Amino acid sequence: MPAAMNAVIHQWAVPRMNVCNIIGNPFKGNAGSRRVFEKNGFRYIGETANDIIEKGLSDGARTGLYLLEWKREQEVL
């Protein structure tokens, strides 16, 4: 998965759309997803409150999101 995310960012988003900044929001507690973002250069910037209801769970558990940000390095001319 890290390789797939890397390809989407560097072979599609940057060259085709000139993307400079991406925000990622995996669910809190999903360490694997958070790690995929971090392996691709995203940095942790915070968390949301536990105000999202997880669908598919009978107890209506609530969770929040991790906030991670990726910024493209600017080319020096």
N, C-alpha and C. Protein backbone atom coordinates (compact mmCIF):
# COMPACT_ATOMS: atom_id res chain seq x y z
N MET A 1 0.80 -1.20 0.00
CA MET A 1 0.00 0.00 0.00
C MET A 1 0.85 1.27 0.00
N PRO A 2 1.97 1.31 0.73
CA PRO A 2 2.80 2.52 0.64
C PRO A 2 3.26 2.81 -0.80
N ALA A 3 3.58 1.77 -1.55
CA ALA A 3 4.03 1.96 -2.94
C ALA A 3 2.89 2.50 -3.81
N ALA A 4 1.68 2.03 -3.57
CA ALA A 4 0.54 2.51 -4.34
C ALA A 4 0.27 3.99 -4.05
N MET A 5 0.32 4.37 -2.79
CA MET A 5 0.11 5.77 -2.43
C MET A 5 1.22 6.64 -3.04
N ASN A 6 2.44 6.17 -2.98
CA ASN A 6 3.57 6.89 -3.55
C ASN A 6 3.36 7.12 -5.04
N ALA A 7 2.90 6.09 -5.75
CA ALA A 7 2.66 6.21 -7.19
C ALA A 7 1.55 7.23 -7.47
N VAL A 8 0.48 7.20 -6.70
CA VAL A 8 -0.61 8.15 -6.92
C VAL A 8 -0.13 9.58 -6.71
N ILE A 9 0.66 9.79 -5.67
CA ILE A 9 1.14 11.14 -5.38
C ILE A 9 2.12 11.62 -6.45
N HIS A 10 3.17 10.80 -6.70
CA HIS A 10 4.29 11.27 -7.52
C HIS A 10 4.16 11.01 -9.02
N GLN A 11 3.28 10.10 -9.41
CA GLN A 11 3.12 9.83 -10.84
C GLN A 11 1.80 10.39 -11.39
N TRP A 12 0.93 10.84 -10.52
CA TRP A 12 -0.35 11.36 -11.00
C TRP A 12 -0.66 12.74 -10.40
N ALA A 13 -0.79 12.82 -9.07
CA ALA A 13 -1.25 14.07 -8.44
C ALA A 13 -0.29 15.24 -8.68
N VAL A 14 1.00 15.02 -8.49
CA VAL A 14 1.95 16.12 -8.67
C VAL A 14 2.12 16.49 -10.15
N PRO A 15 2.48 15.55 -11.03
CA PRO A 15 2.71 15.97 -12.41
C PRO A 15 1.45 16.37 -13.19
N ARG A 16 0.32 15.78 -12.90
CA ARG A 16 -0.89 16.07 -13.68
C ARG A 16 -1.75 17.18 -13.09
N MET A 17 -1.69 17.32 -11.76
CA MET A 17 -2.56 18.31 -11.12
C MET A 17 -1.79 19.38 -10.36
N ASN A 18 -0.46 19.27 -10.36
CA ASN A 18 0.41 20.23 -9.67
C ASN A 18 0.06 20.35 -8.18
N VAL A 19 -0.26 19.21 -7.56
CA VAL A 19 -0.63 19.19 -6.15
C VAL A 19 0.57 19.58 -5.29
N CYS A 20 0.31 20.45 -4.32
CA CYS A 20 1.35 20.91 -3.41
C CYS A 20 1.11 20.48 -1.97
N ASN A 21 -0.14 20.13 -1.65
CA ASN A 21 -0.50 19.83 -0.26
C ASN A 21 -1.62 18.80 -0.26
N ILE A 22 -1.49 17.77 0.59
CA ILE A 22 -2.52 16.74 0.73
C ILE A 22 -2.76 16.52 2.22
N ILE A 23 -4.02 16.41 2.62
CA ILE A 23 -4.39 16.09 3.99
C ILE A 23 -4.94 14.66 4.00
N GLY A 24 -4.45 13.84 4.92
CA GLY A 24 -4.94 12.47 5.08
C GLY A 24 -5.64 12.33 6.42
N ASN A 25 -6.71 11.53 6.45
CA ASN A 25 -7.51 11.39 7.67
C ASN A 25 -7.88 9.94 7.97
N PRO A 26 -6.92 9.10 8.36
CA PRO A 26 -7.30 7.75 8.78
C PRO A 26 -7.98 7.79 10.15
N PHE A 27 -8.80 6.77 10.41
CA PHE A 27 -9.48 6.68 11.71
C PHE A 27 -8.47 6.53 12.83
N LYS A 28 -8.77 7.15 13.99
CA LYS A 28 -7.94 6.94 15.18
C LYS A 28 -7.92 5.46 15.50
N GLY A 29 -6.79 4.98 15.92
CA GLY A 29 -6.67 3.57 16.27
C GLY A 29 -6.28 2.70 15.10
N ASN A 30 -6.32 3.23 13.88
CA ASN A 30 -5.92 2.46 12.71
C ASN A 30 -4.44 2.76 12.44
N ALA A 31 -3.60 2.11 13.23
CA ALA A 31 -2.15 2.38 13.17
C ALA A 31 -1.57 2.02 11.81
N GLY A 32 -2.08 0.98 11.17
CA GLY A 32 -1.57 0.57 9.87
C GLY A 32 -1.78 1.64 8.81
N SER A 33 -2.97 2.22 8.76
CA SER A 33 -3.24 3.28 7.80
C SER A 33 -2.41 4.52 8.10
N ARG A 34 -2.31 4.85 9.36
CA ARG A 34 -1.49 6.02 9.73
C ARG A 34 -0.05 5.81 9.29
N ARG A 35 0.46 4.61 9.47
CA ARG A 35 1.84 4.31 9.09
C ARG A 35 2.05 4.42 7.58
N VAL A 36 1.07 4.01 6.78
CA VAL A 36 1.17 4.14 5.32
C VAL A 36 1.35 5.61 4.95
N PHE A 37 0.57 6.49 5.57
CA PHE A 37 0.71 7.92 5.30
C PHE A 37 2.11 8.40 5.71
N GLU A 38 2.55 8.00 6.90
CA GLU A 38 3.85 8.45 7.40
C GLU A 38 5.00 7.95 6.52
N LYS A 39 4.90 6.73 6.00
CA LYS A 39 5.94 6.21 5.11
C LYS A 39 6.03 7.00 3.81
N ASN A 40 4.97 7.73 3.49
CA ASN A 40 4.94 8.53 2.27
C ASN A 40 5.17 10.02 2.55
N GLY A 41 5.74 10.32 3.69
CA GLY A 41 6.14 11.69 3.98
C GLY A 41 5.09 12.57 4.63
N PHE A 42 3.96 12.00 5.03
CA PHE A 42 2.95 12.79 5.74
C PHE A 42 3.42 12.97 7.18
N ARG A 43 3.12 14.13 7.74
CA ARG A 43 3.46 14.35 9.14
C ARG A 43 2.18 14.53 9.95
N TYR A 44 2.23 14.03 11.17
CA TYR A 44 1.10 14.11 12.09
C TYR A 44 0.91 15.54 12.53
N ILE A 45 -0.33 16.06 12.40
CA ILE A 45 -0.60 17.43 12.83
C ILE A 45 -1.70 17.52 13.89
N GLY A 46 -2.35 16.40 14.21
CA GLY A 46 -3.37 16.44 15.25
C GLY A 46 -4.42 15.36 15.10
N GLU A 47 -5.50 15.53 15.85
CA GLU A 47 -6.61 14.58 15.83
C GLU A 47 -7.92 15.35 15.96
N THR A 48 -9.00 14.73 15.48
CA THR A 48 -10.33 15.31 15.70
C THR A 48 -10.92 14.70 16.98
N ALA A 49 -12.00 15.28 17.43
CA ALA A 49 -12.72 14.72 18.58
C ALA A 49 -13.38 13.41 18.17
N ASN A 50 -13.78 12.62 19.14
CA ASN A 50 -14.47 11.35 18.86
C ASN A 50 -15.93 11.62 18.54
N ASP A 51 -16.17 12.17 17.36
CA ASP A 51 -17.54 12.55 17.00
C ASP A 51 -18.04 11.88 15.72
N ILE A 52 -17.33 10.87 15.26
CA ILE A 52 -17.75 10.15 14.06
C ILE A 52 -18.30 8.80 14.47
N ILE A 53 -19.52 8.49 14.04
CA ILE A 53 -20.12 7.19 14.36
C ILE A 53 -19.65 6.19 13.33
N GLU A 54 -19.06 5.10 13.80
CA GLU A 54 -18.58 4.05 12.89
C GLU A 54 -19.75 3.22 12.41
N LYS A 55 -20.01 3.26 11.12
CA LYS A 55 -21.11 2.48 10.55
C LYS A 55 -20.76 1.00 10.58
N GLY A 56 -21.75 0.18 10.70
CA GLY A 56 -21.55 -1.26 10.70
C GLY A 56 -21.31 -1.84 12.09
N LEU A 57 -21.14 -0.99 13.07
CA LEU A 57 -20.98 -1.48 14.44
C LEU A 57 -22.30 -1.32 15.17
N SER A 58 -22.77 -2.40 15.76
CA SER A 58 -24.09 -2.38 16.39
C SER A 58 -24.16 -1.47 17.61
N ASP A 59 -23.02 -1.23 18.25
CA ASP A 59 -23.05 -0.40 19.46
C ASP A 59 -22.93 1.09 19.17
N GLY A 60 -22.81 1.46 17.88
CA GLY A 60 -22.71 2.87 17.52
C GLY A 60 -21.48 3.54 18.08
N ALA A 61 -20.37 2.81 18.10
CA ALA A 61 -19.13 3.34 18.65
C ALA A 61 -18.71 4.62 17.91
N ARG A 62 -18.11 5.51 18.64
CA ARG A 62 -17.64 6.76 18.06
C ARG A 62 -16.11 6.75 18.01
N THR A 63 -15.60 7.43 17.01
CA THR A 63 -14.16 7.55 16.86
C THR A 63 -13.84 8.91 16.28
N GLY A 64 -12.58 9.20 16.20
CA GLY A 64 -12.12 10.45 15.58
C GLY A 64 -11.17 10.11 14.44
N LEU A 65 -10.52 11.13 13.95
CA LEU A 65 -9.59 10.95 12.84
C LEU A 65 -8.22 11.49 13.22
N TYR A 66 -7.18 10.85 12.68
CA TYR A 66 -5.85 11.43 12.73
C TYR A 66 -5.79 12.46 11.61
N LEU A 67 -5.06 13.53 11.81
CA LEU A 67 -4.85 14.53 10.78
C LEU A 67 -3.38 14.48 10.39
N LEU A 68 -3.12 14.15 9.12
CA LEU A 68 -1.76 14.07 8.62
C LEU A 68 -1.65 14.94 7.37
N GLU A 69 -0.50 15.55 7.18
CA GLU A 69 -0.33 16.48 6.06
C GLU A 69 0.94 16.16 5.28
N TRP A 70 0.82 16.24 3.96
CA TRP A 70 1.96 16.09 3.06
C TRP A 70 2.11 17.40 2.30
N LYS A 71 3.34 17.89 2.22
CA LYS A 71 3.62 19.10 1.44
C LYS A 71 4.74 18.77 0.46
N ARG A 72 4.54 19.20 -0.77
CA ARG A 72 5.55 18.99 -1.79
C ARG A 72 6.73 19.90 -1.53
N GLU A 73 7.92 19.32 -1.68
CA GLU A 73 9.13 20.13 -1.54
C GLU A 73 9.22 21.04 -2.76
N GLN A 74 9.48 22.30 -2.52
CA GLN A 74 9.58 23.25 -3.62
C GLN A 74 10.92 23.12 -4.32
N GLU A 75 10.89 23.16 -5.62
CA GLU A 75 12.11 23.06 -6.41
C GLU A 75 12.86 24.39 -6.33
N VAL A 76 14.17 24.30 -6.19
CA VAL A 76 15.00 25.50 -6.15
C VAL A 76 15.43 25.82 -7.57
N LEU A 77 15.18 27.04 -8.01
CA LEU A 77 15.55 27.46 -9.36
C LEU A 77 16.90 28.11 -9.39
